[in-house]
């Protein structure tokens, strides 16, 4: 009977690959974590520090250096980081060289609620605590604000964040007990009463037209209140 040596060679090579892979996997799983690296994506200003992230990693794995990769619970580390109210998302992985890397994306604040327990509103409308490491330059939100009901002030804050004119001029967003919104502008003494946020784009366009006209005609100091709640016109109350 003729022996098919090519077939036997293929089997031997396949077995060799399987053995080498198993050996490599076993050796890799026993490799210990040699160092850690923390990478912040996006925002340059750090609301949460490298030290704080390292502390979270250590607390949840009793120290991650010199820990065998096979017993390191990466899902637990990611969960612990994602539970931090400063962090939007976190990904943790270990490279073949034993380096543990944590990639962190911070939340981005767009407004600061100024009450007895101040906090930020992030760009997804969620609660974000203040940071002792960095203070964001964002509009102040005042008045009747419930941490569990931020939808209305978030919509206004988001509009301010996205609109070049508003981002340049708005310093304060105020919400009264009925949910009506008013604004304060930089270097202006008058209040801008927006009212409800229905037809908000049209109201803001009316404000821009008024602001341009009043600036050109030196009328900015003549008003104490500008009312935008009527979408077809701007009503100014003189001082």
C-alpha atoms as a PDB file:
ATOM      1  CA  UNK A   1       0.000   0.000   0.000  1.00  0.00           C
ATOM      2  CA  UNK A   2       1.348   3.408  -0.963  1.00  0.00           C
ATOM      3  CA  UNK A   3       1.783   5.884   1.942  1.00  0.00           C
ATOM      4  CA  UNK A   4       0.487   9.409   1.332  1.00  0.00           C
ATOM      5  CA  UNK A   5       3.329  11.357   2.901  1.00  0.00           C
ATOM      6  CA  UNK A   6       1.793  14.728   2.076  1.00  0.00           C
ATOM      7  CA  UNK A   7      -1.263  13.806   4.109  1.00  0.00           C
ATOM      8  CA  UNK A   8       0.887  12.691   7.043  1.00  0.00           C
ATOM      9  CA  UNK A   9       2.930  15.904   6.850  1.00  0.00           C
ATOM     10  CA  UNK A  10      -0.240  17.994   7.016  1.00  0.00           C
ATOM     11  CA  UNK A  11      -1.416  16.115  10.112  1.00  0.00           C
ATOM     12  CA  UNK A  12       1.964  16.520  11.818  1.00  0.00           C
ATOM     13  CA  UNK A  13       2.070  20.244  11.034  1.00  0.00           C
ATOM     14  CA  UNK A  14      -1.482  20.690  12.326  1.00  0.00           C
ATOM     15  CA  UNK A  15      -0.665  18.856  15.551  1.00  0.00           C
ATOM     16  CA  UNK A  16       2.463  20.949  15.973  1.00  0.00           C
ATOM     17  CA  UNK A  17       0.508  24.190  15.536  1.00  0.00           C
ATOM     18  CA  UNK A  18      -2.089  23.052  18.114  1.00  0.00           C
ATOM     19  CA  UNK A  19       0.623  22.111  20.624  1.00  0.00           C
ATOM     20  CA  UNK A  20       2.500  25.386  20.146  1.00  0.00           C
ATOM     21  CA  UNK A  21      -0.711  27.413  20.469  1.00  0.00           C
ATOM     22  CA  UNK A  22      -1.698  25.597  23.655  1.00  0.00           C
ATOM     23  CA  UNK A  23       1.788  26.077  25.092  1.00  0.00           C
ATOM     24  CA  UNK A  24       1.801  29.766  24.168  1.00  0.00           C
ATOM     25  CA  UNK A  25      -1.684  30.315  25.632  1.00  0.00           C
ATOM     26  CA  UNK A  26      -0.743  28.572  28.872  1.00  0.00           C
ATOM     27  CA  UNK A  27       2.460  30.582  29.169  1.00  0.00           C
ATOM     28  CA  UNK A  28       0.659  33.825  28.335  1.00  0.00           C
ATOM     29  CA  UNK A  29      -2.089  33.234  30.892  1.00  0.00           C
ATOM     30  CA  UNK A  30       0.530  32.722  33.602  1.00  0.00           C
ATOM     31  CA  UNK A  31       2.341  35.911  32.631  1.00  0.00           C
ATOM     32  CA  UNK A  32       2.051  38.524  35.352  1.00  0.00           C
ATOM     33  CA  UNK A  33       0.948  42.104  34.840  1.00  0.00           C
ATOM     34  CA  UNK A  34       4.184  44.062  34.565  1.00  0.00           C
ATOM     35  CA  UNK A  35       2.886  47.645  34.517  1.00  0.00           C
ATOM     36  CA  UNK A  36      -0.229  49.738  34.078  1.00  0.00           C
ATOM     37  CA  UNK A  37      -0.989  52.535  31.653  1.00  0.00           C
ATOM     38  CA  UNK A  38      -3.933  54.954  31.869  1.00  0.00           C
ATOM     39  CA  UNK A  39      -4.966  56.757  28.694  1.00  0.00           C
ATOM     40  CA  UNK A  40      -7.533  59.568  28.643  1.00  0.00           C
ATOM     41  CA  UNK A  41      -9.289  59.932  25.308  1.00  0.00           C
ATOM     42  CA  UNK A  42     -10.633  63.238  24.006  1.00  0.00           C
ATOM     43  CA  UNK A  43     -10.898  65.926  26.688  1.00  0.00           C
ATOM     44  CA  UNK A  44      -7.508  67.310  27.730  1.00  0.00           C
ATOM     45  CA  UNK A  45      -8.678  68.797  31.023  1.00  0.00           C
ATOM     46  CA  UNK A  46      -8.751  66.024  33.587  1.00  0.00           C
ATOM     47  CA  UNK A  47     -11.729  66.001  35.943  1.00  0.00           C
ATOM     48  CA  UNK A  48     -10.549  62.653  37.295  1.00  0.00           C
ATOM     49  CA  UNK A  49      -6.820  62.087  37.766  1.00  0.00           C
ATOM     50  CA  UNK A  50      -4.511  59.244  36.833  1.00  0.00           C
ATOM     51  CA  UNK A  51      -4.085  58.619  40.554  1.00  0.00           C
ATOM     52  CA  UNK A  52      -7.841  58.276  41.088  1.00  0.00           C
ATOM     53  CA  UNK A  53      -8.137  55.738  38.254  1.00  0.00           C
ATOM     54  CA  UNK A  54      -5.149  53.795  39.607  1.00  0.00           C
ATOM     55  CA  UNK A  55      -6.783  53.725  43.019  1.00  0.00           C
ATOM     56  CA  UNK A  56      -9.988  52.302  41.527  1.00  0.00           C
ATOM     57  CA  UNK A  57      -7.994  49.592  39.765  1.00  0.00           C
ATOM     58  CA  UNK A  58      -6.117  48.685  42.939  1.00  0.00           C
ATOM     59  CA  UNK A  59      -9.245  48.661  45.111  1.00  0.00           C
ATOM     60  CA  UNK A  60     -11.025  46.266  42.781  1.00  0.00           C
ATOM     61  CA  UNK A  61      -8.157  43.837  42.219  1.00  0.00           C
ATOM     62  CA  UNK A  62      -6.124  44.233  45.419  1.00  0.00           C
ATOM     63  CA  UNK A  63      -3.282  45.595  43.309  1.00  0.00           C
ATOM     64  CA  UNK A  64      -2.934  44.717  39.652  1.00  0.00           C
ATOM     65  CA  UNK A  65       0.830  44.584  39.240  1.00  0.00           C
ATOM     66  CA  UNK A  66       2.425  41.122  39.477  1.00  0.00           C
ATOM     67  CA  UNK A  67      -1.027  39.512  39.310  1.00  0.00           C
ATOM     68  CA  UNK A  68      -1.247  36.561  36.864  1.00  0.00           C
ATOM     69  CA  UNK A  69      -3.300  37.500  33.813  1.00  0.00           C
ATOM     70  CA  UNK A  70      -5.453  34.383  34.195  1.00  0.00           C
ATOM     71  CA  UNK A  71      -6.903  35.566  37.514  1.00  0.00           C
ATOM     72  CA  UNK A  72      -7.315  39.219  36.550  1.00  0.00           C
ATOM     73  CA  UNK A  73     -11.016  40.068  36.128  1.00  0.00           C
ATOM     74  CA  UNK A  74     -11.052  42.714  33.393  1.00  0.00           C
ATOM     75  CA  UNK A  75     -14.862  42.928  33.368  1.00  0.00           C
ATOM     76  CA  UNK A  76     -14.853  43.758  37.071  1.00  0.00           C
ATOM     77  CA  UNK A  77     -12.284  46.498  36.517  1.00  0.00           C
ATOM     78  CA  UNK A  78     -14.284  48.008  33.643  1.00  0.00           C
ATOM     79  CA  UNK A  79     -17.498  47.896  35.673  1.00  0.00           C
ATOM     80  CA  UNK A  80     -15.833  49.645  38.610  1.00  0.00           C
ATOM     81  CA  UNK A  81     -14.498  52.408  36.367  1.00  0.00           C
ATOM     82  CA  UNK A  82     -17.801  52.868  34.510  1.00  0.00           C
ATOM     83  CA  UNK A  83     -19.627  53.299  37.814  1.00  0.00           C
ATOM     84  CA  UNK A  84     -17.569  56.403  38.544  1.00  0.00           C
ATOM     85  CA  UNK A  85     -19.787  59.455  37.837  1.00  0.00           C
ATOM     86  CA  UNK A  86     -16.869  61.289  36.191  1.00  0.00           C
ATOM     87  CA  UNK A  87     -16.357  58.559  33.584  1.00  0.00           C
ATOM     88  CA  UNK A  88     -18.482  58.037  30.467  1.00  0.00           C
ATOM     89  CA  UNK A  89     -16.817  54.825  29.331  1.00  0.00           C
ATOM     90  CA  UNK A  90     -13.802  52.706  30.192  1.00  0.00           C
ATOM     91  CA  UNK A  91     -12.054  49.832  28.441  1.00  0.00           C
ATOM     92  CA  UNK A  92      -9.443  47.677  30.192  1.00  0.00           C
ATOM     93  CA  UNK A  93      -7.207  45.152  28.470  1.00  0.00           C
ATOM     94  CA  UNK A  94      -3.852  43.394  28.898  1.00  0.00           C
ATOM     95  CA  UNK A  95      -1.313  43.209  26.083  1.00  0.00           C
ATOM     96  CA  UNK A  96       0.913  40.256  25.279  1.00  0.00           C
ATOM     97  CA  UNK A  97       3.771  42.049  27.051  1.00  0.00           C
ATOM     98  CA  UNK A  98       1.825  42.035  30.323  1.00  0.00           C
ATOM     99  CA  UNK A  99       0.977  45.746  30.295  1.00  0.00           C
ATOM    100  CA  UNK A 100      -2.500  46.519  31.635  1.00  0.00           C
ATOM    101  CA  UNK A 101      -4.073  49.467  29.821  1.00  0.00           C
ATOM    102  CA  UNK A 102      -7.156  51.415  30.903  1.00  0.00           C
ATOM    103  CA  UNK A 103      -8.629  53.727  28.243  1.00  0.00           C
ATOM    104  CA  UNK A 104     -10.868  56.344  29.846  1.00  0.00           C
ATOM    105  CA  UNK A 105     -13.373  58.713  28.272  1.00  0.00           C
ATOM    106  CA  UNK A 106     -14.527  61.386  30.693  1.00  0.00           C
ATOM    107  CA  UNK A 107     -17.933  62.997  30.794  1.00  0.00           C
ATOM    108  CA  UNK A 108     -18.102  66.486  29.285  1.00  0.00           C
ATOM    109  CA  UNK A 109     -19.875  69.156  31.378  1.00  0.00           C
ATOM    110  CA  UNK A 110     -21.950  71.777  29.551  1.00  0.00           C
ATOM    111  CA  UNK A 111     -23.539  73.561  32.532  1.00  0.00           C
ATOM    112  CA  UNK A 112     -23.071  73.905  36.283  1.00  0.00           C
ATOM    113  CA  UNK A 113     -26.068  73.787  38.600  1.00  0.00           C
ATOM    114  CA  UNK A 114     -25.514  76.264  41.408  1.00  0.00           C
ATOM    115  CA  UNK A 115     -27.526  75.252  44.471  1.00  0.00           C
ATOM    116  CA  UNK A 116     -26.849  73.896  47.959  1.00  0.00           C
ATOM    117  CA  UNK A 117     -25.197  70.830  46.396  1.00  0.00           C
ATOM    118  CA  UNK A 118     -23.716  72.069  43.099  1.00  0.00           C
ATOM    119  CA  UNK A 119     -22.997  69.704  40.233  1.00  0.00           C
ATOM    120  CA  UNK A 120     -22.479  69.634  36.468  1.00  0.00           C
ATOM    121  CA  UNK A 121     -24.867  68.558  33.723  1.00  0.00           C
ATOM    122  CA  UNK A 122     -22.941  66.631  31.083  1.00  0.00           C
ATOM    123  CA  UNK A 123     -23.517  66.725  27.324  1.00  0.00           C
ATOM    124  CA  UNK A 124     -25.855  63.727  27.520  1.00  0.00           C
ATOM    125  CA  UNK A 125     -28.078  65.297  30.182  1.00  0.00           C
ATOM    126  CA  UNK A 126     -26.715  63.291  33.106  1.00  0.00           C
ATOM    127  CA  UNK A 127     -25.520  64.239  36.566  1.00  0.00           C
ATOM    128  CA  UNK A 128     -21.780  64.828  36.932  1.00  0.00           C
ATOM    129  CA  UNK A 129     -20.160  65.805  40.247  1.00  0.00           C
ATOM    130  CA  UNK A 130     -17.800  68.744  40.561  1.00  0.00           C
ATOM    131  CA  UNK A 131     -14.104  68.010  40.373  1.00  0.00           C
ATOM    132  CA  UNK A 132     -11.432  69.157  42.802  1.00  0.00           C
ATOM    133  CA  UNK A 133      -8.928  68.784  39.978  1.00  0.00           C
ATOM    134  CA  UNK A 134     -10.431  71.088  37.340  1.00  0.00           C
ATOM    135  CA  UNK A 135     -13.280  73.602  37.063  1.00  0.00           C
ATOM    136  CA  UNK A 136     -15.084  73.847  33.734  1.00  0.00           C
ATOM    137  CA  UNK A 137     -15.994  77.254  32.328  1.00  0.00           C
ATOM    138  CA  UNK A 138     -19.646  76.629  31.525  1.00  0.00           C
ATOM    139  CA  UNK A 139     -22.911  78.539  32.077  1.00  0.00           C
ATOM    140  CA  UNK A 140     -24.432  78.552  35.548  1.00  0.00           C
ATOM    141  CA  UNK A 141     -27.885  77.000  36.015  1.00  0.00           C
ATOM    142  CA  UNK A 142     -29.924  78.554  38.826  1.00  0.00           C
ATOM    143  CA  UNK A 143     -33.454  78.533  40.215  1.00  0.00           C
ATOM    144  CA  UNK A 144     -35.651  75.471  40.611  1.00  0.00           C
ATOM    145  CA  UNK A 145     -33.547  72.530  39.443  1.00  0.00           C
ATOM    146  CA  UNK A 146     -34.121  68.894  40.413  1.00  0.00           C
ATOM    147  CA  UNK A 147     -31.156  66.547  39.928  1.00  0.00           C
ATOM    148  CA  UNK A 148     -33.590  63.816  38.908  1.00  0.00           C
ATOM    149  CA  UNK A 149     -35.375  65.985  36.343  1.00  0.00           C
ATOM    150  CA  UNK A 150     -32.827  67.798  34.197  1.00  0.00           C
ATOM    151  CA  UNK A 151     -34.494  67.472  30.804  1.00  0.00           C
ATOM    152  CA  UNK A 152     -35.637  71.085  30.467  1.00  0.00           C
ATOM    153  CA  UNK A 153     -32.456  72.832  31.605  1.00  0.00           C
ATOM    154  CA  UNK A 154     -30.384  70.286  29.674  1.00  0.00           C
ATOM    155  CA  UNK A 155     -32.198  71.169  26.449  1.00  0.00           C
ATOM    156  CA  UNK A 156     -31.403  74.856  27.003  1.00  0.00           C
ATOM    157  CA  UNK A 157     -27.807  74.150  28.036  1.00  0.00           C
ATOM    158  CA  UNK A 158     -27.321  71.962  24.988  1.00  0.00           C
ATOM    159  CA  UNK A 159     -28.597  74.756  22.756  1.00  0.00           C
ATOM    160  CA  UNK A 160     -26.138  77.163  24.365  1.00  0.00           C
ATOM    161  CA  UNK A 161     -23.293  74.693  23.876  1.00  0.00           C
ATOM    162  CA  UNK A 162     -24.064  74.182  20.178  1.00  0.00           C
ATOM    163  CA  UNK A 163     -24.867  77.793  19.192  1.00  0.00           C
ATOM    164  CA  UNK A 164     -21.872  80.094  18.623  1.00  0.00           C
ATOM    165  CA  UNK A 165     -23.748  83.268  19.634  1.00  0.00           C
ATOM    166  CA  UNK A 166     -25.229  81.781  22.796  1.00  0.00           C
ATOM    167  CA  UNK A 167     -21.984  80.106  23.838  1.00  0.00           C
ATOM    168  CA  UNK A 168     -20.216  83.437  23.599  1.00  0.00           C
ATOM    169  CA  UNK A 169     -22.835  85.486  25.479  1.00  0.00           C
ATOM    170  CA  UNK A 170     -24.885  83.331  27.880  1.00  0.00           C
ATOM    171  CA  UNK A 171     -23.601  83.258  31.460  1.00  0.00           C
ATOM    172  CA  UNK A 172     -26.666  82.022  33.364  1.00  0.00           C
ATOM    173  CA  UNK A 173     -29.685  79.819  32.705  1.00  0.00           C
ATOM    174  CA  UNK A 174     -32.499  80.241  35.216  1.00  0.00           C
ATOM    175  CA  UNK A 175     -35.529  77.988  35.605  1.00  0.00           C
ATOM    176  CA  UNK A 176     -38.528  79.108  37.663  1.00  0.00           C
ATOM    177  CA  UNK A 177     -40.975  76.868  39.524  1.00  0.00           C
ATOM    178  CA  UNK A 178     -43.184  76.578  36.409  1.00  0.00           C
ATOM    179  CA  UNK A 179     -40.313  75.420  34.215  1.00  0.00           C
ATOM    180  CA  UNK A 180     -39.947  78.732  32.390  1.00  0.00           C
ATOM    181  CA  UNK A 181     -36.420  79.571  31.264  1.00  0.00           C
ATOM    182  CA  UNK A 182     -34.664  82.921  31.326  1.00  0.00           C
ATOM    183  CA  UNK A 183     -31.096  83.836  30.397  1.00  0.00           C
ATOM    184  CA  UNK A 184     -28.464  86.301  31.476  1.00  0.00           C
ATOM    185  CA  UNK A 185     -26.003  87.556  28.892  1.00  0.00           C
ATOM    186  CA  UNK A 186     -22.436  88.705  29.380  1.00  0.00           C
ATOM    187  CA  UNK A 187     -22.124  92.488  29.800  1.00  0.00           C
ATOM    188  CA  UNK A 188     -25.896  92.979  29.657  1.00  0.00           C
ATOM    189  CA  UNK A 189     -28.095  94.161  32.522  1.00  0.00           C
ATOM    190  CA  UNK A 190     -31.365  92.843  31.136  1.00  0.00           C
ATOM    191  CA  UNK A 191     -32.997  89.454  31.618  1.00  0.00           C
ATOM    192  CA  UNK A 192     -33.901  87.433  28.532  1.00  0.00           C
ATOM    193  CA  UNK A 193     -37.181  85.642  29.214  1.00  0.00           C
ATOM    194  CA  UNK A 194     -37.476  82.584  26.971  1.00  0.00           C
ATOM    195  CA  UNK A 195     -40.486  80.999  28.678  1.00  0.00           C
ATOM    196  CA  UNK A 196     -41.158  77.463  27.487  1.00  0.00           C
ATOM    197  CA  UNK A 197     -38.714  75.848  25.076  1.00  0.00           C
ATOM    198  CA  UNK A 198     -41.269  75.405  22.330  1.00  0.00           C
ATOM    199  CA  UNK A 199     -40.034  76.864  19.015  1.00  0.00           C
ATOM    200  CA  UNK A 200     -36.692  77.531  20.723  1.00  0.00           C
ATOM    201  CA  UNK A 201     -34.769  77.995  17.476  1.00  0.00           C
ATOM    202  CA  UNK A 202     -37.103  80.738  16.334  1.00  0.00           C
ATOM    203  CA  UNK A 203     -36.918  82.491  19.699  1.00  0.00           C
ATOM    204  CA  UNK A 204     -33.122  82.446  19.631  1.00  0.00           C
ATOM    205  CA  UNK A 205     -33.085  83.824  16.101  1.00  0.00           C
ATOM    206  CA  UNK A 206     -35.335  86.669  17.279  1.00  0.00           C
ATOM    207  CA  UNK A 207     -32.899  87.337  20.126  1.00  0.00           C
ATOM    208  CA  UNK A 208     -29.987  87.524  17.700  1.00  0.00           C
ATOM    209  CA  UNK A 209     -31.828  90.040  15.505  1.00  0.00           C
ATOM    210  CA  UNK A 210     -32.713  92.163  18.552  1.00  0.00           C
ATOM    211  CA  UNK A 211     -29.163  91.985  19.940  1.00  0.00           C
ATOM    212  CA  UNK A 212     -27.625  93.098  16.658  1.00  0.00           C
ATOM    213  CA  UNK A 213     -30.076  96.002  16.283  1.00  0.00           C
ATOM    214  CA  UNK A 214     -29.793  97.118  19.928  1.00  0.00           C
ATOM    215  CA  UNK A 215     -26.007  97.028  19.802  1.00  0.00           C
ATOM    216  CA  UNK A 216     -25.897  99.024  16.579  1.00  0.00           C
ATOM    217  CA  UNK A 217     -28.272 101.669  17.961  1.00  0.00           C
ATOM    218  CA  UNK A 218     -26.701 101.770  21.463  1.00  0.00           C
ATOM    219  CA  UNK A 219     -29.900 100.599  23.139  1.00  0.00           C
ATOM    220  CA  UNK A 220     -28.471  97.758  25.239  1.00  0.00           C
ATOM    221  CA  UNK A 221     -28.619  99.756  28.485  1.00  0.00           C
ATOM    222  CA  UNK A 222     -32.195 100.903  27.878  1.00  0.00           C
ATOM    223  CA  UNK A 223     -33.872  97.586  28.759  1.00  0.00           C
ATOM    224  CA  UNK A 224     -34.377  95.618  31.941  1.00  0.00           C
ATOM    225  CA  UNK A 225     -36.145  92.649  30.353  1.00  0.00           C
ATOM    226  CA  UNK A 226     -36.435  91.092  26.908  1.00  0.00           C
ATOM    227  CA  UNK A 227     -39.394  88.764  26.359  1.00  0.00           C
ATOM    228  CA  UNK A 228     -39.068  86.041  23.703  1.00  0.00           C
ATOM    229  CA  UNK A 229     -42.090  83.932  24.590  1.00  0.00           C
ATOM    230  CA  UNK A 230     -44.065  85.342  21.663  1.00  0.00           C
ATOM    231  CA  UNK A 231     -42.369  83.682  18.700  1.00  0.00           C
ATOM    232  CA  UNK A 232     -43.296  86.386  16.201  1.00  0.00           C
ATOM    233  CA  UNK A 233     -41.791  89.337  18.079  1.00  0.00           C
ATOM    234  CA  UNK A 234     -39.457  90.504  20.819  1.00  0.00           C
ATOM    235  CA  UNK A 235     -40.960  92.630  23.574  1.00  0.00           C
ATOM    236  CA  UNK A 236     -38.549  94.832  25.498  1.00  0.00           C
ATOM    237  CA  UNK A 237     -39.259  96.384  28.876  1.00  0.00           C
ATOM    238  CA  UNK A 238     -37.323  99.592  29.357  1.00  0.00           C
ATOM    239  CA  UNK A 239     -35.483 100.356  32.557  1.00  0.00           C
END
